[in-house]
PDB file of N, CA and C in Angstrom:
ATOM      1  N   MET A   1      59.180  86.903 140.248  1.00  0.00           N
ATOM      2  CA  MET A   1      60.397  87.253 140.050  1.00  0.00           C
ATOM      3  C   MET A   1      60.896  88.980 139.441  1.00  0.00           C
ATOM      4  N   ALA A   2      61.491  89.508 140.168  1.00  0.00           N
ATOM      5  CA  ALA A   2      61.562  90.448 139.398  1.00  0.00           C
ATOM      6  C   ALA A   2      62.917  90.559 138.131  1.00  0.00           C
ATOM      7  N   LYS A   3      62.679  91.328 136.881  1.00  0.00           N
ATOM      8  CA  LYS A   3      62.948  91.392 135.891  1.00  0.00           C
ATOM      9  C   LYS A   3      64.524  92.231 135.948  1.00  0.00           C
ATOM     10  N   LYS A   4      65.657  91.565 135.541  1.00  0.00           N
ATOM     11  CA  LYS A   4      66.451  92.213 135.381  1.00  0.00           C
ATOM     12  C   LYS A   4      67.113  93.269 134.523  1.00  0.00           C
ATOM     13  N   VAL A   5      67.698  94.042 134.045  1.00  0.00           N
ATOM     14  CA  VAL A   5      67.902  94.461 133.333  1.00  0.00           C
ATOM     15  C   VAL A   5      69.325  95.278 133.336  1.00  0.00           C
ATOM     16  N   LYS A   6      70.002  94.961 132.257  1.00  0.00           N
ATOM     17  CA  LYS A   6      71.682  95.567 132.283  1.00  0.00           C
ATOM     18  C   LYS A   6      71.756  96.250 130.993  1.00  0.00           C
ATOM     19  N   PHE A   7      72.630  97.494 131.331  1.00  0.00           N
ATOM     20  CA  PHE A   7      72.901  98.466 130.282  1.00  0.00           C
ATOM     21  C   PHE A   7      74.055  99.185 130.628  1.00  0.00           C
ATOM     22  N   LYS A   8      74.796  99.825 130.029  1.00  0.00           N
ATOM     23  CA  LYS A   8      76.032  99.941 130.120  1.00  0.00           C
ATOM     24  C   LYS A   8      75.834 101.721 130.078  1.00  0.00           C
ATOM     25  N   LEU A   9      76.671 102.247 130.567  1.00  0.00           N
ATOM     26  CA  LEU A   9      76.796 103.816 130.826  1.00  0.00           C
ATOM     27  C   LEU A   9      78.253 104.414 130.905  1.00  0.00           C
ATOM     28  N   THR A  10      78.245 105.425 130.075  1.00  0.00           N
ATOM     29  CA  THR A  10      79.677 106.299 130.224  1.00  0.00           C
ATOM     30  C   THR A  10      79.965 106.950 131.509  1.00  0.00           C
ATOM     31  N   ASP A  11      81.232 107.497 131.929  1.00  0.00           N
ATOM     32  CA  ASP A  11      81.341 107.988 133.306  1.00  0.00           C
ATOM     33  C   ASP A  11      80.328 109.222 133.570  1.00  0.00           C
ATOM     34  N   PHE A  12      80.419 110.042 132.260  1.00  0.00           N
ATOM     35  CA  PHE A  12      79.340 111.069 132.582  1.00  0.00           C
ATOM     36  C   PHE A  12      77.926 110.586 132.870  1.00  0.00           C
ATOM     37  N   GLU A  13      77.066 109.467 132.075  1.00  0.00           N
ATOM     38  CA  GLU A  13      76.341 108.825 132.583  1.00  0.00           C
ATOM     39  C   GLU A  13      75.995 108.840 133.996  1.00  0.00           C
ATOM     40  N   CYS A  14      77.115 107.806 134.434  1.00  0.00           N
ATOM     41  CA  CYS A  14      77.028 107.308 135.741  1.00  0.00           C
ATOM     42  C   CYS A  14      77.081 108.425 136.715  1.00  0.00           C
ATOM     43  N   ASN A  15      77.872 109.571 136.352  1.00  0.00           N
ATOM     44  CA  ASN A  15      77.943 110.597 137.469  1.00  0.00           C
ATOM     45  C   ASN A  15      76.947 111.690 137.457  1.00  0.00           C
ATOM     46  N   LEU A  16      76.121 111.500 136.262  1.00  0.00           N
ATOM     47  CA  LEU A  16      74.732 112.281 136.101  1.00  0.00           C
ATOM     48  C   LEU A  16      73.924 111.487 136.904  1.00  0.00           C
ATOM     49  N   LEU A  17      73.736 109.821 137.063  1.00  0.00           N
ATOM     50  CA  LEU A  17      72.663 109.408 137.316  1.00  0.00           C
ATOM     51  C   LEU A  17      72.821 109.388 138.955  1.00  0.00           C
ATOM     52  N   ILE A  18      74.246 109.343 139.488  1.00  0.00           N
ATOM     53  CA  ILE A  18      74.771 109.221 140.991  1.00  0.00           C
ATOM     54  C   ILE A  18      74.277 110.607 141.214  1.00  0.00           C
ATOM     55  N   ASN A  19      74.623 111.768 140.953  1.00  0.00           N
ATOM     56  CA  ASN A  19      74.597 113.032 141.409  1.00  0.00           C
ATOM     57  C   ASN A  19      72.626 112.916 141.595  1.00  0.00           C
ATOM     58  N   GLY A  20      72.143 112.688 140.716  1.00  0.00           N
ATOM     59  CA  GLY A  20      70.597 112.691 140.728  1.00  0.00           C
ATOM     60  C   GLY A  20      69.970 112.274 141.733  1.00  0.00           C
ATOM     61  N   MET A  21      70.224 110.914 141.869  1.00  0.00           N
ATOM     62  CA  MET A  21      69.815 109.931 142.702  1.00  0.00           C
ATOM     63  C   MET A  21      70.319 110.873 144.355  1.00  0.00           C
ATOM     64  N   ASN A  22      71.623 111.239 144.908  1.00  0.00           N
ATOM     65  CA  ASN A  22      71.527 111.707 145.866  1.00  0.00           C
ATOM     66  C   ASN A  22      70.959 113.146 146.138  1.00  0.00           C
ATOM     67  N   GLU A  23      70.779 113.775 145.079  1.00  0.00           N
ATOM     68  CA  GLU A  23      70.022 115.137 145.004  1.00  0.00           C
ATOM     69  C   GLU A  23      68.510 114.458 145.886  1.00  0.00           C
ATOM     70  N   PHE A  24      67.835 113.556 145.431  1.00  0.00           N
ATOM     71  CA  PHE A  24      66.375 112.714 145.440  1.00  0.00           C
ATOM     72  C   PHE A  24      66.878 112.376 146.814  1.00  0.00           C
ATOM     73  N   ARG A  25      67.556 111.669 147.338  1.00  0.00           N
ATOM     74  CA  ARG A  25      68.047 110.910 148.823  1.00  0.00           C
ATOM     75  C   ARG A  25      67.861 112.404 149.661  1.00  0.00           C
ATOM     76  N   ASN A  26      68.468 113.499 149.102  1.00  0.00           N
ATOM     77  CA  ASN A  26      68.424 114.584 150.026  1.00  0.00           C
ATOM     78  C   ASN A  26      66.941 115.310 149.960  1.00  0.00           C
ATOM     79  N   MET A  27      66.254 115.454 149.017  1.00  0.00           N
ATOM     80  CA  MET A  27      64.978 115.784 149.329  1.00  0.00           C
ATOM     81  C   MET A  27      64.135 114.781 150.208  1.00  0.00           C
ATOM     82  N   LEU A  28      64.196 114.047 149.916  1.00  0.00           N
ATOM     83  CA  LEU A  28      63.619 112.955 150.782  1.00  0.00           C
ATOM     84  C   LEU A  28      64.077 113.094 152.452  1.00  0.00           C
ATOM     85  N   LEU A  29      65.160 113.553 152.708  1.00  0.00           N
ATOM     86  CA  LEU A  29      65.588 113.555 154.122  1.00  0.00           C
ATOM     87  C   LEU A  29      64.873 115.284 154.466  1.00  0.00           C
ATOM     88  N   GLU A  30      65.126 115.911 153.822  1.00  0.00           N
ATOM     89  CA  GLU A  30      64.392 117.187 154.062  1.00  0.00           C
ATOM     90  C   GLU A  30      63.187 117.197 154.577  1.00  0.00           C
ATOM     91  N   GLN A  31      62.146 116.320 153.820  1.00  0.00           N
ATOM     92  CA  GLN A  31      60.533 115.825 153.657  1.00  0.00           C
ATOM     93  C   GLN A  31      60.586 114.942 155.079  1.00  0.00           C
ATOM     94  N   ASP A  32      61.409 114.329 155.681  1.00  0.00           N
ATOM     95  CA  ASP A  32      61.451 113.257 156.658  1.00  0.00           C
ATOM     96  C   ASP A  32      60.793 112.151 156.366  1.00  0.00           C
ATOM     97  N   LEU A  33      61.220 112.002 154.731  1.00  0.00           N
ATOM     98  CA  LEU A  33      60.669 110.712 154.408  1.00  0.00           C
ATOM     99  C   LEU A  33      61.565 109.897 154.316  1.00  0.00           C
ATOM    100  N   PRO A  34      61.367 108.334 154.366  1.00  0.00           N
ATOM    101  CA  PRO A  34      61.973 107.277 154.278  1.00  0.00           C
ATOM    102  C   PRO A  34      62.881 107.215 153.115  1.00  0.00           C
ATOM    103  N   THR A  35      64.637 107.018 153.428  1.00  0.00           N
ATOM    104  CA  THR A  35      65.683 107.038 152.017  1.00  0.00           C
ATOM    105  C   THR A  35      66.348 105.124 152.141  1.00  0.00           C
ATOM    106  N   GLU A  36      65.470 104.706 152.907  1.00  0.00           N
ATOM    107  CA  GLU A  36      66.210 103.370 152.711  1.00  0.00           C
ATOM    108  C   GLU A  36      66.540 102.827 151.258  1.00  0.00           C
ATOM    109  N   ASP A  37      65.515 102.650 150.477  1.00  0.00           N
ATOM    110  CA  ASP A  37      65.470 102.193 148.952  1.00  0.00           C
ATOM    111  C   ASP A  37      66.422 102.704 148.099  1.00  0.00           C
ATOM    112  N   VAL A  38      66.249 104.223 148.359  1.00  0.00           N
ATOM    113  CA  VAL A  38      66.984 105.064 147.521  1.00  0.00           C
ATOM    114  C   VAL A  38      68.614 104.862 147.691  1.00  0.00           C
ATOM    115  N   GLU A  39      68.735 104.733 149.066  1.00  0.00           N
ATOM    116  CA  GLU A  39      70.248 104.476 149.361  1.00  0.00           C
ATOM    117  C   GLU A  39      71.091 103.186 148.956  1.00  0.00           C
ATOM    118  N   ASP A  40      70.312 101.807 149.367  1.00  0.00           N
ATOM    119  CA  ASP A  40      70.148 100.869 148.671  1.00  0.00           C
ATOM    120  C   ASP A  40      70.816 100.738 147.243  1.00  0.00           C
ATOM    121  N   LEU A  41      69.590 101.510 146.343  1.00  0.00           N
ATOM    122  CA  LEU A  41      69.565 101.778 144.991  1.00  0.00           C
ATOM    123  C   LEU A  41      70.718 102.689 144.524  1.00  0.00           C
ATOM    124  N   LEU A  42      71.342 103.577 145.610  1.00  0.00           N
ATOM    125  CA  LEU A  42      72.603 104.165 145.070  1.00  0.00           C
ATOM    126  C   LEU A  42      73.827 103.714 145.318  1.00  0.00           C
ATOM    127  N   ILE A  43      73.857 102.826 146.034  1.00  0.00           N
ATOM    128  CA  ILE A  43      75.171 101.897 146.143  1.00  0.00           C
ATOM    129  C   ILE A  43      74.906 100.766 145.266  1.00  0.00           C
ATOM    130  N   LYS A  44      74.069 100.335 144.444  1.00  0.00           N
ATOM    131  CA  LYS A  44      73.898  99.238 143.681  1.00  0.00           C
ATOM    132  C   LYS A  44      74.888 100.002 142.487  1.00  0.00           C
ATOM    133  N   ILE A  45      74.123 101.651 142.049  1.00  0.00           N
ATOM    134  CA  ILE A  45      74.841 102.164 140.905  1.00  0.00           C
ATOM    135  C   ILE A  45      76.120 102.325 141.098  1.00  0.00           C
ATOM    136  N   ILE A  46      76.812 102.648 142.629  1.00  0.00           N
ATOM    137  CA  ILE A  46      78.118 103.359 142.447  1.00  0.00           C
ATOM    138  C   ILE A  46      78.691 102.129 142.140  1.00  0.00           C
ATOM    139  N   ASP A  47      78.534 100.890 142.675  1.00  0.00           N
ATOM    140  CA  ASP A  47      79.268  99.877 142.876  1.00  0.00           C
ATOM    141  C   ASP A  47      79.751  99.167 141.060  1.00  0.00           C
ATOM    142  N   LYS A  48      78.173  99.383 140.768  1.00  0.00           N
ATOM    143  CA  LYS A  48      78.109  99.042 139.321  1.00  0.00           C
ATOM    144  C   LYS A  48      79.025  99.809 137.981  1.00  0.00           C
ATOM    145  N   CYS A  49      78.921 101.217 138.721  1.00  0.00           N
ATOM    146  CA  CYS A  49      79.649 102.229 137.866  1.00  0.00           C
ATOM    147  C   CYS A  49      81.239 102.060 137.960  1.00  0.00           C
ATOM    148  N   GLU A  50      81.630 101.294 138.868  1.00  0.00           N
ATOM    149  CA  GLU A  50      83.320 101.425 139.293  1.00  0.00           C
ATOM    150  C   GLU A  50      83.660 102.506 139.422  1.00  0.00           C
ATOM    151  N   ARG A  51      82.967 103.694 140.155  1.00  0.00           N
ATOM    152  CA  ARG A  51      83.716 104.600 140.281  1.00  0.00           C
ATOM    153  C   ARG A  51      84.945 104.611 141.434  1.00  0.00           C
ATOM    154  N   ARG A  52      86.060 105.063 140.715  1.00  0.00           N
ATOM    155  CA  ARG A  52      87.138 105.165 141.535  1.00  0.00           C
ATOM    156  C   ARG A  52      87.536 106.566 142.645  1.00  0.00           C
ATOM    157  N   TRP A  53      87.242 106.496 143.514  1.00  0.00           N
ATOM    158  CA  TRP A  53      87.633 107.392 144.252  1.00  0.00           C
ATOM    159  C   TRP A  53      89.199 108.148 144.042  1.00  0.00           C
TER     160      TRP A  53
END
C-alpha cells in the first residue's frame, strides 16, 4: 500500500505547482508520450488546492 503524505500549500505554491505540472504535461504531449498519470495528479492537485475559478 502506498504511503500518503499531507501538506499545506499557500495559494502561490498551489499556482506554482499547477503551472509546473501543466508545463510538464505539455512537454509530454509535444514528445507524443502518455500524459494520463500526470493528468490524474494534476486533477488531484487542483481539487486539493481548492482553486476557485
